[in-house]
Protein backbone atom coordinates (compact mmCIF):
# COMPACT_ATOMS: atom_id res chain seq x y z
CA MET A 1 67.03 82.20 94.55
CA LYS A 2 68.60 84.82 96.76
CA ILE A 3 70.95 83.56 99.42
CA ARG A 4 72.17 85.08 102.63
CA VAL A 5 74.95 83.78 104.88
CA LEU A 6 74.61 83.21 108.59
CA CYS A 7 77.82 82.59 110.54
CA VAL A 8 77.58 80.14 113.37
CA CYS A 9 80.31 79.60 115.96
CA PHE A 10 80.87 76.48 117.95
CA ALA A 11 83.51 75.09 120.27
CA LEU A 12 84.17 71.56 121.45
CA ALA A 13 86.03 70.38 124.49
CA ALA A 14 89.30 68.47 124.36
CA PRO A 15 89.16 64.73 123.63
CA THR A 16 88.33 62.37 126.46
CA LEU A 17 89.22 58.70 126.28
CA ALA A 18 86.84 56.08 127.65
CA LYS A 19 88.41 53.00 129.22
CA THR A 20 87.40 49.77 127.50
CA GLY A 21 88.46 46.18 127.78
CA GLY A 22 90.84 46.54 124.86
CA GLY A 23 92.34 49.95 125.57
CA ASP A 24 91.28 53.56 125.30
CA ARG A 25 88.43 54.58 123.00
CA PRO A 26 87.69 58.27 122.41
CA LYS A 27 84.14 59.34 123.13
CA ILE A 28 81.43 58.83 120.51
CA THR A 29 78.85 61.46 121.39
CA GLY A 30 76.03 61.23 118.85
CA ILE A 31 74.91 61.37 115.24
CA ASP A 32 76.74 64.00 113.22
CA HIS A 33 74.93 63.55 109.90
CA VAL A 34 73.27 61.09 107.53
CA ASP A 35 73.64 61.15 103.77
CA PHE A 36 71.10 59.85 101.22
CA TYR A 37 70.76 59.58 97.44
CA PHE A 38 67.99 61.27 95.46
CA THR A 39 66.59 61.33 91.95
CA ASN A 40 64.36 64.36 92.55
CA GLU A 41 66.31 67.28 94.02
CA GLU A 42 63.39 69.71 93.77
CA GLY A 43 61.15 67.35 95.72
CA ALA A 44 63.78 66.85 98.42
CA ASN A 45 64.17 70.62 98.72
CA ASP A 46 60.42 70.95 99.10
CA LEU A 47 60.28 68.40 101.92
CA TYR A 48 63.20 69.66 103.97
CA MET A 49 62.98 73.40 103.33
CA LYS A 50 59.23 73.97 103.00
CA VAL A 51 57.56 71.18 104.98
CA LEU A 52 60.20 70.61 107.68
CA GLY A 53 61.39 74.22 107.64
CA LEU A 54 65.12 73.45 107.77
CA ALA A 55 67.92 75.78 106.72
CA THR A 56 70.16 74.72 103.85
CA ALA A 57 73.92 74.65 103.49
CA GLY A 58 76.34 74.04 100.66
CA PRO A 59 77.87 70.61 99.97
CA ILE A 60 81.04 69.53 101.78
CA GLU A 61 81.39 65.91 100.62
CA PRO A 62 82.21 64.52 97.15
CA ALA A 63 79.19 64.36 94.80
CA GLN A 64 76.97 65.97 97.44
CA THR A 65 74.72 68.73 96.16
CA ARG A 66 72.72 69.84 99.19
CA ARG A 67 72.68 69.74 103.00
CA PHE A 68 69.76 70.45 105.30
CA MET A 69 70.70 71.64 108.77
CA VAL A 70 69.08 70.08 111.85
CA GLY A 71 69.99 72.53 114.57
CA LYS A 72 73.45 74.11 114.53
CA GLN A 73 75.63 71.09 113.78
CA GLN A 74 73.67 68.02 112.62
CA TRP A 75 72.64 67.76 108.98
CA VAL A 76 71.05 65.56 106.34
CA GLY A 77 72.91 65.43 103.03
CA TYR A 78 71.79 64.44 99.55
CA SER A 79 73.73 63.31 96.49
CA PRO A 80 72.48 62.19 93.06
CA ALA A 81 71.71 58.46 92.98
CA PRO A 82 74.46 56.46 91.21
CA GLU A 83 71.70 54.59 89.39
CA ALA A 84 68.06 55.56 89.05
CA LYS A 85 66.92 52.03 89.95
CA VAL A 86 69.10 51.57 93.06
CA THR A 87 66.84 50.53 95.95
CA ASP A 88 69.10 51.44 98.88
CA ARG A 89 69.06 55.25 99.04
CA MET A 90 71.13 55.56 102.25
CA ASP A 91 74.76 56.44 101.52
CA HIS A 92 76.19 56.57 105.04
CA VAL A 93 75.65 57.38 108.71
CA ALA A 94 78.19 59.56 110.54
CA PHE A 95 78.88 59.75 114.27
CA ALA A 96 80.67 62.52 116.13
CA THR A 97 83.84 61.63 118.04
CA GLU A 98 86.33 63.64 120.04
CA SER A 99 89.37 62.25 118.21
CA CYS A 100 89.43 60.62 114.80
CA ASP A 101 93.12 59.75 115.09
CA ALA A 102 92.62 57.95 118.39
CA LEU A 103 89.47 56.19 117.18
CA ARG A 104 91.11 55.05 113.93
CA SER A 105 94.02 53.58 115.92
CA TYR A 106 91.64 51.98 118.39
CA LEU A 107 89.59 50.32 115.65
CA ALA A 108 92.71 49.09 113.89
CA GLY A 109 93.80 47.49 117.15
CA LYS A 110 90.46 45.69 117.27
CA GLY A 111 90.98 44.22 113.82
CA VAL A 112 88.66 46.60 111.96
CA LYS A 113 89.83 47.59 108.47
CA VAL A 114 90.51 51.34 108.59
CA PRO A 115 91.93 53.82 106.06
CA ASP A 116 95.66 54.61 106.19
CA SER A 117 95.01 58.11 107.47
CA VAL A 118 92.37 60.59 108.59
CA ASP A 119 91.10 63.19 106.10
CA GLN A 120 90.97 66.86 106.99
CA ARG A 121 88.63 69.38 105.37
CA LYS A 122 89.33 73.06 104.79
CA ASP A 123 87.36 74.05 107.90
CA GLY A 124 89.50 71.81 110.11
CA THR A 125 86.95 68.98 110.39
CA ARG A 126 88.61 65.56 110.47
CA THR A 127 86.92 62.40 109.20
CA PHE A 128 87.41 58.77 108.28
CA ALA A 129 85.04 55.99 107.28
CA VAL A 130 84.81 52.24 107.75
CA LYS A 131 82.29 49.55 106.86
CA ASP A 132 80.39 47.63 109.50
CA PRO A 133 80.01 43.81 109.23
CA GLU A 134 77.02 44.15 106.87
CA GLY A 135 78.67 46.69 104.59
CA HIS A 136 77.02 49.87 105.86
CA ARG A 137 79.38 52.82 105.42
CA ILE A 138 79.98 54.42 108.80
CA GLU A 139 81.82 57.73 109.05
CA PHE A 140 83.34 59.33 112.13
CA VAL A 141 83.66 63.10 112.38
CA GLU A 142 85.81 65.26 114.65
CA HIS A 143 85.05 68.98 114.62
CA PRO A 144 87.76 71.56 115.30
CA LYS A 145 88.69 71.70 118.98
CA LYS A 146 89.22 75.44 118.99
CA ALA A 147 86.40 77.88 118.31
CA ALA A 148 85.67 77.87 114.60
CA THR A 149 83.27 79.60 112.26
CA PHE A 150 81.49 78.08 109.30
CA ALA A 151 79.13 79.62 106.76
CA LEU A 152 75.56 78.39 106.74
CA ALA A 153 73.84 79.45 103.53
CA THR A 154 70.12 79.81 104.02
CA SER A 155 67.28 80.88 101.82
CA VAL A 156 65.79 84.34 102.27
CA GLY A 157 63.63 84.56 105.38
CA THR A 158 63.98 82.87 108.76
CA PRO A 159 63.84 79.04 108.75
CA ASP A 160 60.97 77.66 110.80
CA PRO A 161 62.21 74.18 111.74
CA VAL A 162 59.84 71.53 113.00
CA SER A 163 62.83 69.94 114.76
CA ARG A 164 66.27 71.09 115.87
CA ARG A 165 67.73 67.68 116.63
CA MET A 166 68.24 64.34 114.94
CA ILE A 167 67.84 61.61 117.58
CA HIS A 168 68.38 58.40 115.65
CA ALA A 169 69.05 56.74 112.33
CA GLY A 170 68.02 53.23 111.34
CA PHE A 171 68.98 50.73 108.70
CA ILE A 172 68.34 47.10 107.76
CA VAL A 173 70.30 44.52 109.74
CA HIS A 174 70.28 40.80 108.89
CA ASP A 175 72.87 39.50 111.39
CA ARG A 176 72.31 41.07 114.80
CA ASP A 177 75.17 39.18 116.44
CA ALA A 178 77.70 40.44 113.91
CA GLU A 179 76.45 44.01 114.21
CA ASP A 180 76.45 43.78 118.01
CA HIS A 181 80.08 42.71 117.97
CA PHE A 182 80.96 45.86 116.02
CA TYR A 183 78.68 48.43 117.65
CA LYS A 184 78.42 47.01 121.19
CA ASP A 185 81.62 45.08 121.84
CA ILE A 186 84.02 47.30 119.90
CA LEU A 187 82.42 50.76 119.77
CA GLY A 188 80.68 50.64 123.14
CA PHE A 189 77.07 51.24 122.04
CA HIS A 190 74.50 49.90 124.51
CA LEU A 191 70.88 48.76 124.36
CA TYR A 192 68.30 51.55 124.70
CA TRP A 193 65.11 49.66 123.82
CA TYR A 194 63.88 46.76 121.69
CA GLY A 195 60.47 45.69 120.43
CA GLY A 196 58.44 44.22 117.61
CA MET A 197 55.12 44.18 115.83
CA GLN A 198 54.28 40.95 117.67
CA PRO A 199 55.06 40.28 121.36
CA ASP A 200 57.16 37.20 120.57
CA ARG A 201 59.38 38.79 117.90
CA THR A 202 62.03 41.52 117.95
CA ASP A 203 61.89 43.75 114.89
CA TRP A 204 63.72 46.84 116.18
CA VAL A 205 66.77 47.18 118.39
CA ALA A 206 67.85 50.66 119.47
CA MET A 207 71.58 50.85 120.25
CA GLN A 208 72.54 54.08 122.02
CA VAL A 209 75.89 55.76 121.46
CA PRO A 210 78.24 55.24 124.41
CA ASP A 211 78.62 58.92 125.32
CA GLY A 212 75.27 60.50 124.44
CA THR A 213 71.59 59.80 123.91
CA ASP A 214 71.31 59.40 120.11
CA TRP A 215 70.89 55.87 118.85
CA LEU A 216 71.23 53.55 115.89
CA GLU A 217 68.20 51.38 115.18
CA TYR A 218 68.63 47.88 113.78
CA MET A 219 65.70 47.12 111.46
CA LEU A 220 65.41 43.33 111.66
CA ASN A 221 63.45 40.61 109.84
CA VAL A 222 63.49 42.35 106.46
CA LYS A 223 63.55 40.22 103.33
CA ALA A 224 66.79 40.24 101.36
CA ASP A 225 65.15 41.49 98.16
CA ALA A 226 63.41 44.50 99.71
CA ASP A 227 62.08 46.93 97.12
CA LEU A 228 62.53 50.70 97.08
CA ARG A 229 59.45 51.33 99.22
CA LEU A 230 60.44 48.89 101.95
CA MET A 231 64.06 50.06 101.87
CA GLY A 232 62.89 53.64 102.29
CA VAL A 233 60.78 52.77 105.33
CA MET A 234 63.61 50.85 106.98
CA ASN A 235 66.64 53.00 106.14
CA HIS A 236 65.52 56.21 107.80
CA ILE A 237 66.25 59.10 110.13
CA SER A 238 64.30 60.42 113.10
CA LEU A 239 63.96 64.05 114.17
CA GLY A 240 63.02 64.78 117.77
CA VAL A 241 60.08 66.96 118.79
CA ARG A 242 58.85 67.97 122.23
CA ASP A 243 55.13 67.81 121.43
CA MET A 244 53.71 66.01 118.40
CA LYS A 245 50.51 68.04 118.28
CA GLN A 246 52.53 71.24 118.08
CA ALA A 247 54.84 69.68 115.50
CA GLN A 248 51.89 68.63 113.35
CA THR A 249 50.38 72.10 113.62
CA LYS A 250 53.64 73.55 112.33
CA LEU A 251 53.76 71.03 109.48
CA GLU A 252 50.23 72.01 108.51
CA SER A 253 51.16 75.70 108.60
CA HIS A 254 53.87 74.80 106.04
CA GLY A 255 51.26 73.28 103.73
CA TRP A 256 51.49 69.62 104.77
CA LYS A 257 48.33 67.52 105.21
CA ALA A 258 47.97 64.09 106.80
CA HIS A 259 47.45 61.38 104.17
CA GLY A 260 48.20 57.71 103.58
CA ASP A 261 51.22 56.67 105.63
CA GLU A 262 51.88 60.28 106.67
CA HIS A 263 49.99 60.70 109.94
CA SER A 264 50.69 60.76 113.68
CA GLN A 265 50.46 57.52 115.63
CA MET A 266 51.56 55.96 118.90
CA GLY A 267 54.67 53.84 118.48
CA LYS A 268 55.30 50.51 120.15
CA ASP A 269 57.90 52.27 122.29
CA GLY A 270 55.19 54.50 123.77
CA LYS A 271 56.34 57.60 121.90
CA TRP A 272 54.21 59.62 119.50
CA GLN A 273 55.59 59.57 115.97
CA LEU A 274 54.75 60.92 112.53
CA ASN A 275 56.30 59.85 109.24
CA VAL A 276 56.89 61.93 106.14
CA PHE A 277 58.62 60.71 102.96
CA ASP A 278 60.90 62.29 100.41
CA PRO A 279 60.19 61.76 96.67
CA ASP A 280 62.48 58.70 96.67
CA LEU A 281 60.39 57.15 99.45
CA THR A 282 62.99 57.63 102.20
CA ARG A 283 61.26 57.99 105.57
CA VAL A 284 61.81 60.93 107.89
CA GLU A 285 60.28 60.07 111.24
CA LEU A 286 59.26 62.74 113.73
CA MET A 287 59.35 61.35 117.27
CA GLU A 288 58.72 62.78 120.72
CA TYR A 289 61.77 62.78 122.97
CA THR A 290 60.07 60.93 125.80
CA PRO A 291 57.36 58.22 125.95
CA ALA A 292 53.76 59.18 126.61
CA GLN A 293 52.83 55.68 127.76
CA LYS A 294 54.46 52.41 128.80
CA PRO A 295 56.37 50.79 125.92
CA CYS A 296 55.67 47.29 124.72
CA CYS A 297 58.20 44.47 124.81
CA SER A 298 60.93 46.00 126.99
CA GLU A 299 61.74 48.87 129.32
CA PHE A 300 64.06 51.69 128.28
CA GLN A 301 67.63 51.07 129.39
CA GLY A 302 69.19 54.46 128.73
CA PRO A 303 68.45 58.17 129.14
CA HIS A 304 66.05 59.84 126.74
CA PRO A 305 67.26 62.63 124.44
CA LYS A 306 66.31 66.19 125.27
CA GLU A 307 65.28 69.19 123.24
CA PRO A 308 68.33 71.38 122.51
């Protein structure tokens, strides 16, 4: 396949520290990327490149084989599954911060186990990873503070993305209190919305980053022995769209057709959504940025994301 290279420039402001009860925490501004495993690379390429219309980029993490760009900076990465029968296909979730060094020191001061140092890639990006109380691998990423250029390898032709922004990622949570201590008490995330399939039960808790509008969704009340299908529904990402009808029209122009679990529907949060699945049954949720009707269960407690 022929490849062309598009150079994209970006610049980030200097780090800003947010005052917290236990000292200074650098800003955590949103989701940087999410990485999954696959057993069918061709099928993943078909979903992200053809159906969702995203540009592709070369790997930058160990074992990674492909990245799919959501806008100019966010991306979804894929690596070969360590075992064909592994049911959890989510490798890690990464959040953007203004200073990895400051955040690593801050977390260490809070008793979180952190690596001895921060890694630095060839392009100047700095990263480190920790595990949350339930063992989810969480990475933090600091992009170069001065203007930098990186190469974005795309297939021939102009990408026609259905979305240009990832607005949340979700994964299974069994102990909400333990996760709240990490994400809310230590990292400063705050409640955005919560709800459930039944009025008297909370199945989803959206925790918004402290310095942005992206969020992490706790997927609660999931059995411990969840199979691949259930894992794929729960451990997911969500791409924002302004208008679901227009998004569906674009999907259809890319050859997609509504079928089975892949169809638009009104969510309990009052936002239109549409799910598509990769060959390993990982869910990619399209969601409107703002609600079209009153949500069930609770009111929104944070600002809604906006189209870039």
